[in-house]
Structure formats: C-alpha cells, structure tokens
C-alpha cells in the first residue's frame, strides 16, 4: 500500500516542475484581457461617450427617436426630462437617456 501511495506522490511532485517563468503562466490571461479590452470594453465606452454628447447637445426643435421607437419633436428641455411632441397637441415627457437618435429636419413631415 505504501508503495502505491509513493507512486502517486512522486508523480505529483514530478508534475509540479520547477515553477518556470511566472510571465509565461500568466500570458494567456493577459492576452484574453487585452482582447476583451479592444473588442468589447473600448468600443462600448466610445459608444457611451457619443450618446452622452448627443443627449447633451439636444435643442428645441430637434426631431428625435426614443428607445421605444416614438418619433417626435423636442419642445421643452429640462435637466432630466425632455418634452417631445409626437402629434399636433400631443406631447410626452421622456428621460433624456431614452433618446436614441436625432433625426434630420423634416423627418416627421415625410412620415
């Protein structure tokens, strides 16, 4: 029985090795993190900056599309909410962050 346990222990010690270079053991993790940064994190932060700039640059009379797909014209701006006229004498209030796109002038007339 002792010889059998001794075989497994010797095998385990043999697999440990001398430790090698620590950089090579972490290299796959570093490569994965760099790939995630350039393929996921960086484009997302760029998109968030563009959306923030678009929301801050809103003005009265801009034609916008909300996150729910509602097309309307901005009639009133507030620090947190925007009033959007979707039809004659029909207005809704939406959060600034729910505005997904600013459309070209005259979009509402063509619809």
N, C-alpha and C. Protein backbone atom coordinates (compact mmCIF):
# COMPACT_ATOMS: atom_id res chain seq x y z
N UNK A 1 0.83 -1.20 0.00
CA UNK A 1 0.00 0.00 0.00
C UNK A 1 0.87 1.25 0.00
N UNK A 2 1.95 1.25 0.80
CA UNK A 2 2.83 2.41 0.85
C UNK A 2 3.52 2.66 -0.48
N UNK A 3 3.83 1.61 -1.17
CA UNK A 3 4.49 1.79 -2.46
C UNK A 3 3.53 2.40 -3.47
N UNK A 4 2.26 2.05 -3.38
CA UNK A 4 1.25 2.60 -4.28
C UNK A 4 1.06 4.09 -4.02
N UNK A 5 0.98 4.50 -2.78
CA UNK A 5 0.85 5.92 -2.44
C UNK A 5 2.12 6.66 -2.84
N UNK A 6 3.26 6.02 -2.64
CA UNK A 6 4.53 6.64 -3.02
C UNK A 6 4.59 6.92 -4.51
N UNK A 7 4.00 6.08 -5.33
CA UNK A 7 3.99 6.30 -6.78
C UNK A 7 3.19 7.56 -7.12
N UNK A 8 2.02 7.72 -6.51
CA UNK A 8 1.19 8.89 -6.79
C UNK A 8 1.84 10.17 -6.29
N UNK A 9 2.47 10.12 -5.14
CA UNK A 9 3.13 11.30 -4.60
C UNK A 9 4.31 11.69 -5.46
N UNK A 10 5.10 10.70 -5.89
CA UNK A 10 6.23 11.00 -6.78
C UNK A 10 5.74 11.60 -8.08
N UNK A 11 4.64 11.09 -8.61
CA UNK A 11 4.08 11.61 -9.86
C UNK A 11 3.61 13.05 -9.67
N UNK A 12 2.98 13.33 -8.54
CA UNK A 12 2.51 14.69 -8.27
C UNK A 12 3.68 15.65 -8.15
N UNK A 13 4.74 15.24 -7.49
CA UNK A 13 5.92 16.12 -7.38
C UNK A 13 6.55 16.32 -8.74
N UNK A 14 6.52 15.31 -9.57
CA UNK A 14 7.13 15.42 -10.89
C UNK A 14 6.34 16.38 -11.78
N UNK A 15 5.03 16.43 -11.61
CA UNK A 15 4.21 17.31 -12.44
C UNK A 15 4.34 18.77 -12.03
N UNK A 16 4.74 19.02 -10.82
CA UNK A 16 4.85 20.40 -10.37
C UNK A 16 5.93 21.13 -11.13
N UNK A 17 7.01 20.52 -11.41
CA UNK A 17 8.08 21.13 -12.17
C UNK A 17 8.84 22.14 -11.34
N UNK A 18 9.63 22.96 -12.00
CA UNK A 18 10.47 23.91 -11.28
C UNK A 18 9.82 25.28 -11.14
N UNK A 19 8.60 25.43 -11.56
CA UNK A 19 7.90 26.71 -11.42
C UNK A 19 7.94 27.51 -12.71
N UNK A 20 8.98 27.40 -13.47
CA UNK A 20 9.08 28.10 -14.74
C UNK A 20 9.03 29.61 -14.57
N UNK A 21 8.83 30.28 -15.64
CA UNK A 21 8.74 31.73 -15.62
C UNK A 21 7.31 32.15 -15.31
N UNK A 22 7.11 33.02 -14.36
CA UNK A 22 5.77 33.44 -13.95
C UNK A 22 5.05 34.18 -15.07
N UNK A 23 5.80 34.86 -15.92
CA UNK A 23 5.17 35.61 -17.02
C UNK A 23 4.48 34.67 -17.99
N UNK A 24 5.12 33.53 -18.28
CA UNK A 24 4.52 32.58 -19.22
C UNK A 24 3.28 31.92 -18.66
N UNK A 25 3.18 31.80 -17.35
CA UNK A 25 1.99 31.20 -16.77
C UNK A 25 0.81 32.17 -16.80
N UNK A 26 1.08 33.49 -16.75
CA UNK A 26 0.01 34.49 -16.80
C UNK A 26 -0.23 35.04 -18.20
N UNK A 27 0.58 34.67 -19.15
CA UNK A 27 0.47 35.19 -20.52
C UNK A 27 -0.91 34.95 -21.14
N UNK A 28 -1.50 33.75 -21.04
CA UNK A 28 -2.85 33.58 -21.62
C UNK A 28 -3.89 34.51 -21.00
N UNK A 29 -3.83 34.74 -19.69
CA UNK A 29 -4.78 35.66 -19.06
C UNK A 29 -4.58 37.08 -19.54
N UNK A 30 -3.34 37.48 -19.71
CA UNK A 30 -3.05 38.83 -20.18
C UNK A 30 -3.56 39.01 -21.60
N UNK A 31 -3.35 38.01 -22.45
CA UNK A 31 -3.83 38.08 -23.84
C UNK A 31 -5.35 38.16 -23.89
N UNK A 32 -6.04 37.37 -23.07
CA UNK A 32 -7.50 37.40 -23.04
C UNK A 32 -8.00 38.77 -22.59
N UNK A 33 -7.37 39.35 -21.56
CA UNK A 33 -7.79 40.67 -21.09
C UNK A 33 -7.59 41.73 -22.18
N UNK A 34 -6.47 41.68 -22.88
CA UNK A 34 -6.21 42.66 -23.95
C UNK A 34 -7.25 42.51 -25.05
N UNK A 35 -7.59 41.28 -25.42
CA UNK A 35 -8.62 41.06 -26.45
C UNK A 35 -9.98 41.60 -25.99
N UNK A 36 -10.36 41.31 -24.75
CA UNK A 36 -11.63 41.84 -24.23
C UNK A 36 -11.63 43.36 -24.25
N UNK A 37 -10.51 43.96 -23.90
CA UNK A 37 -10.44 45.43 -23.88
C UNK A 37 -10.68 46.00 -25.27
N UNK A 38 -9.97 45.50 -26.26
CA UNK A 38 -10.08 46.07 -27.60
C UNK A 38 -11.35 45.66 -28.34
N UNK A 39 -11.92 44.50 -28.03
CA UNK A 39 -13.10 44.04 -28.75
C UNK A 39 -14.42 44.38 -28.05
N UNK A 40 -14.41 44.56 -26.73
CA UNK A 40 -15.66 44.81 -26.01
C UNK A 40 -15.67 46.12 -25.23
N UNK A 41 -14.70 46.33 -24.38
CA UNK A 41 -14.74 47.46 -23.46
C UNK A 41 -14.54 48.78 -24.19
N UNK A 42 -13.53 48.90 -25.00
CA UNK A 42 -13.21 50.16 -25.68
C UNK A 42 -14.33 50.64 -26.62
N UNK A 43 -14.88 49.77 -27.48
CA UNK A 43 -15.98 50.23 -28.34
C UNK A 43 -17.22 50.66 -27.55
N UNK A 44 -17.50 49.97 -26.43
CA UNK A 44 -18.67 50.32 -25.63
C UNK A 44 -18.51 51.68 -24.97
N UNK A 45 -17.33 51.99 -24.45
CA UNK A 45 -17.12 53.30 -23.83
C UNK A 45 -17.16 54.40 -24.88
N UNK A 46 -16.68 54.12 -26.07
CA UNK A 46 -16.75 55.11 -27.17
C UNK A 46 -18.21 55.39 -27.53
N UNK A 47 -19.01 54.33 -27.60
CA UNK A 47 -20.43 54.49 -27.92
C UNK A 47 -21.15 55.28 -26.82
N UNK A 48 -20.81 55.03 -25.56
CA UNK A 48 -21.42 55.77 -24.45
C UNK A 48 -21.06 57.25 -24.51
N UNK A 49 -19.82 57.57 -24.84
CA UNK A 49 -19.42 58.97 -24.96
C UNK A 49 -20.17 59.67 -26.07
N UNK A 50 -20.34 59.00 -27.22
CA UNK A 50 -21.09 59.58 -28.33
C UNK A 50 -22.54 59.83 -27.94
N UNK A 51 -23.17 58.87 -27.25
CA UNK A 51 -24.56 59.04 -26.84
C UNK A 51 -24.70 60.18 -25.84
N UNK A 52 -23.78 60.28 -24.89
CA UNK A 52 -23.81 61.35 -23.90
C UNK A 52 -23.69 62.71 -24.59
N UNK A 53 -22.79 62.82 -25.57
CA UNK A 53 -22.63 64.08 -26.29
C UNK A 53 -23.89 64.42 -27.09
N UNK A 54 -24.53 63.41 -27.69
CA UNK A 54 -25.75 63.64 -28.45
C UNK A 54 -26.88 64.13 -27.54
N UNK A 55 -27.01 63.52 -26.36
CA UNK A 55 -28.07 63.90 -25.42
C UNK A 55 -27.83 65.31 -24.88
N UNK A 56 -26.58 65.64 -24.58
CA UNK A 56 -26.26 66.97 -24.06
C UNK A 56 -26.44 68.05 -25.13
N UNK A 57 -26.31 67.68 -26.39
CA UNK A 57 -26.43 68.65 -27.48
C UNK A 57 -27.84 68.81 -28.01
N UNK A 58 -28.83 68.24 -27.35
CA UNK A 58 -30.21 68.38 -27.81
C UNK A 58 -30.67 69.83 -27.73
N UNK A 59 -31.50 70.21 -28.68
CA UNK A 59 -32.05 71.55 -28.67
C UNK A 59 -33.53 71.52 -29.01
N UNK A 60 -34.20 72.61 -28.71
CA UNK A 60 -35.62 72.71 -29.02
C UNK A 60 -35.79 72.68 -30.54
N UNK A 61 -36.74 71.88 -31.01
CA UNK A 61 -37.00 71.75 -32.44
C UNK A 61 -36.32 70.55 -33.07
N UNK A 62 -35.43 69.89 -32.35
CA UNK A 62 -34.79 68.68 -32.88
C UNK A 62 -35.81 67.56 -32.99
N UNK A 63 -35.71 66.79 -34.05
CA UNK A 63 -36.58 65.63 -34.22
C UNK A 63 -35.81 64.41 -33.75
N UNK A 64 -36.41 63.67 -32.81
CA UNK A 64 -35.71 62.58 -32.13
C UNK A 64 -36.53 61.29 -32.17
N UNK A 65 -35.84 60.19 -31.92
CA UNK A 65 -36.47 58.89 -31.76
C UNK A 65 -36.12 58.41 -30.36
N UNK A 66 -37.14 57.95 -29.61
CA UNK A 66 -36.91 57.45 -28.25
C UNK A 66 -36.58 55.96 -28.31
N UNK A 67 -36.22 55.41 -27.15
CA UNK A 67 -35.90 54.00 -27.05
C UNK A 67 -37.07 53.11 -27.41
N UNK A 68 -38.28 53.59 -27.24
CA UNK A 68 -39.47 52.82 -27.59
C UNK A 68 -39.86 52.95 -29.05
N UNK A 69 -39.11 53.74 -29.82
CA UNK A 69 -39.40 53.90 -31.23
C UNK A 69 -40.34 55.04 -31.56
N UNK A 70 -40.61 55.93 -30.60
CA UNK A 70 -41.51 57.05 -30.81
C UNK A 70 -40.75 58.19 -31.48
N UNK A 71 -41.28 58.68 -32.59
CA UNK A 71 -40.69 59.80 -33.31
C UNK A 71 -41.40 61.08 -32.92
N UNK A 72 -40.64 62.11 -32.59
CA UNK A 72 -41.26 63.36 -32.19
C UNK A 72 -40.29 64.52 -32.25
N UNK A 73 -40.82 65.71 -31.95
CA UNK A 73 -40.04 66.95 -31.98
C UNK A 73 -39.90 67.47 -30.56
N UNK A 74 -38.69 67.84 -30.17
CA UNK A 74 -38.42 68.34 -28.83
C UNK A 74 -39.03 69.73 -28.70
N UNK A 75 -39.87 69.91 -27.67
CA UNK A 75 -40.49 71.22 -27.45
C UNK A 75 -39.99 71.88 -26.17
N UNK A 76 -39.52 71.08 -25.23
CA UNK A 76 -39.08 71.63 -23.96
C UNK A 76 -37.95 70.76 -23.40
N UNK A 77 -36.92 71.42 -22.90
CA UNK A 77 -35.77 70.72 -22.34
C UNK A 77 -35.66 70.96 -20.85
N UNK A 78 -35.39 69.91 -20.12
CA UNK A 78 -35.13 70.01 -18.69
C UNK A 78 -33.83 69.31 -18.38
N UNK A 79 -33.39 69.40 -17.14
CA UNK A 79 -32.12 68.75 -16.81
C UNK A 79 -32.20 67.22 -16.87
N UNK A 80 -33.36 66.65 -16.56
CA UNK A 80 -33.52 65.20 -16.54
C UNK A 80 -34.51 64.69 -17.59
N UNK A 81 -35.54 65.50 -17.89
CA UNK A 81 -36.60 65.07 -18.81
C UNK A 81 -36.70 66.02 -19.99
N UNK A 82 -37.26 65.50 -21.08
CA UNK A 82 -37.47 66.25 -22.32
C UNK A 82 -38.93 66.07 -22.72
N UNK A 83 -39.58 67.14 -23.13
CA UNK A 83 -40.94 67.04 -23.64
C UNK A 83 -40.87 66.92 -25.16
N UNK A 84 -41.51 65.86 -25.66
CA UNK A 84 -41.47 65.56 -27.09
C UNK A 84 -42.89 65.61 -27.62
N UNK A 85 -43.11 66.39 -28.68
CA UNK A 85 -44.42 66.46 -29.32
C UNK A 85 -44.46 65.40 -30.41
N UNK A 86 -45.39 64.44 -30.26
CA UNK A 86 -45.47 63.33 -31.19
C UNK A 86 -46.54 63.54 -32.26
N UNK A 87 -47.50 64.42 -32.00
CA UNK A 87 -48.54 64.78 -32.96
C UNK A 87 -49.03 66.17 -32.57
N UNK A 88 -49.94 66.74 -33.34
CA UNK A 88 -50.48 68.06 -33.00
C UNK A 88 -51.16 67.99 -31.64
N UNK A 89 -50.72 68.84 -30.72
CA UNK A 89 -51.26 68.95 -29.36
C UNK A 89 -51.14 67.65 -28.55
N UNK A 90 -50.21 66.78 -28.89
CA UNK A 90 -49.96 65.56 -28.13
C UNK A 90 -48.47 65.53 -27.77
N UNK A 91 -48.19 65.67 -26.48
CA UNK A 91 -46.80 65.70 -26.02
C UNK A 91 -46.58 64.63 -24.96
N UNK A 92 -45.38 64.11 -24.92
CA UNK A 92 -45.00 63.16 -23.88
C UNK A 92 -43.68 63.62 -23.26
N UNK A 93 -43.48 63.22 -22.01
CA UNK A 93 -42.22 63.54 -21.34
C UNK A 93 -41.41 62.25 -21.23
N UNK A 94 -40.17 62.32 -21.65
CA UNK A 94 -39.28 61.17 -21.60
C UNK A 94 -37.96 61.57 -20.95
N UNK A 95 -37.27 60.59 -20.40
CA UNK A 95 -35.93 60.86 -19.86
C UNK A 95 -34.98 61.14 -21.01
N UNK A 96 -34.01 62.00 -20.76
CA UNK A 96 -33.03 62.33 -21.79
C UNK A 96 -32.30 61.08 -22.30
N UNK A 97 -31.96 60.16 -21.39
CA UNK A 97 -31.17 59.00 -21.78
C UNK A 97 -31.93 58.02 -22.68
N UNK A 98 -33.28 58.14 -22.73
CA UNK A 98 -34.03 57.23 -23.59
C UNK A 98 -34.05 57.67 -25.03
N UNK A 99 -33.54 58.85 -25.32
CA UNK A 99 -33.47 59.31 -26.71
C UNK A 99 -32.30 58.59 -27.38
N UNK A 100 -32.62 57.85 -28.44
CA UNK A 100 -31.60 57.04 -29.09
C UNK A 100 -30.98 57.68 -30.31
N UNK A 101 -31.71 58.58 -30.99
CA UNK A 101 -31.17 59.17 -32.20
C UNK A 101 -31.80 60.53 -32.46
N UNK A 102 -31.02 61.42 -33.05
CA UNK A 102 -31.53 62.70 -33.54
C UNK A 102 -31.67 62.56 -35.05
N UNK A 103 -32.87 62.78 -35.53
CA UNK A 103 -33.17 62.59 -36.95
C UNK A 103 -32.95 63.90 -37.72
N UNK A 104 -32.78 63.82 -39.04
CA UNK A 104 -32.66 65.03 -39.84
C UNK A 104 -33.96 65.83 -39.82
N UNK A 105 -33.83 67.15 -40.00
CA UNK A 105 -35.02 68.01 -40.03
C UNK A 105 -35.93 67.58 -41.18
N UNK A 106 -37.24 67.59 -40.91
CA UNK A 106 -38.22 67.23 -41.92
C UNK A 106 -38.58 65.75 -41.92
N UNK A 107 -38.04 64.98 -41.03
CA UNK A 107 -38.34 63.56 -40.96
C UNK A 107 -39.82 63.33 -40.59
N UNK A 108 -40.33 64.13 -39.67
CA UNK A 108 -41.72 63.95 -39.25
C UNK A 108 -42.71 64.28 -40.37
N UNK A 109 -42.36 65.22 -41.23
CA UNK A 109 -43.26 65.58 -42.33
C UNK A 109 -43.33 64.47 -43.37
N UNK A 110 -42.25 63.74 -43.54
CA UNK A 110 -42.22 62.69 -44.57
C UNK A 110 -42.92 61.42 -44.12
N UNK A 111 -43.20 61.30 -42.82
CA UNK A 111 -43.82 60.07 -42.31
C UNK A 111 -45.31 60.14 -42.41
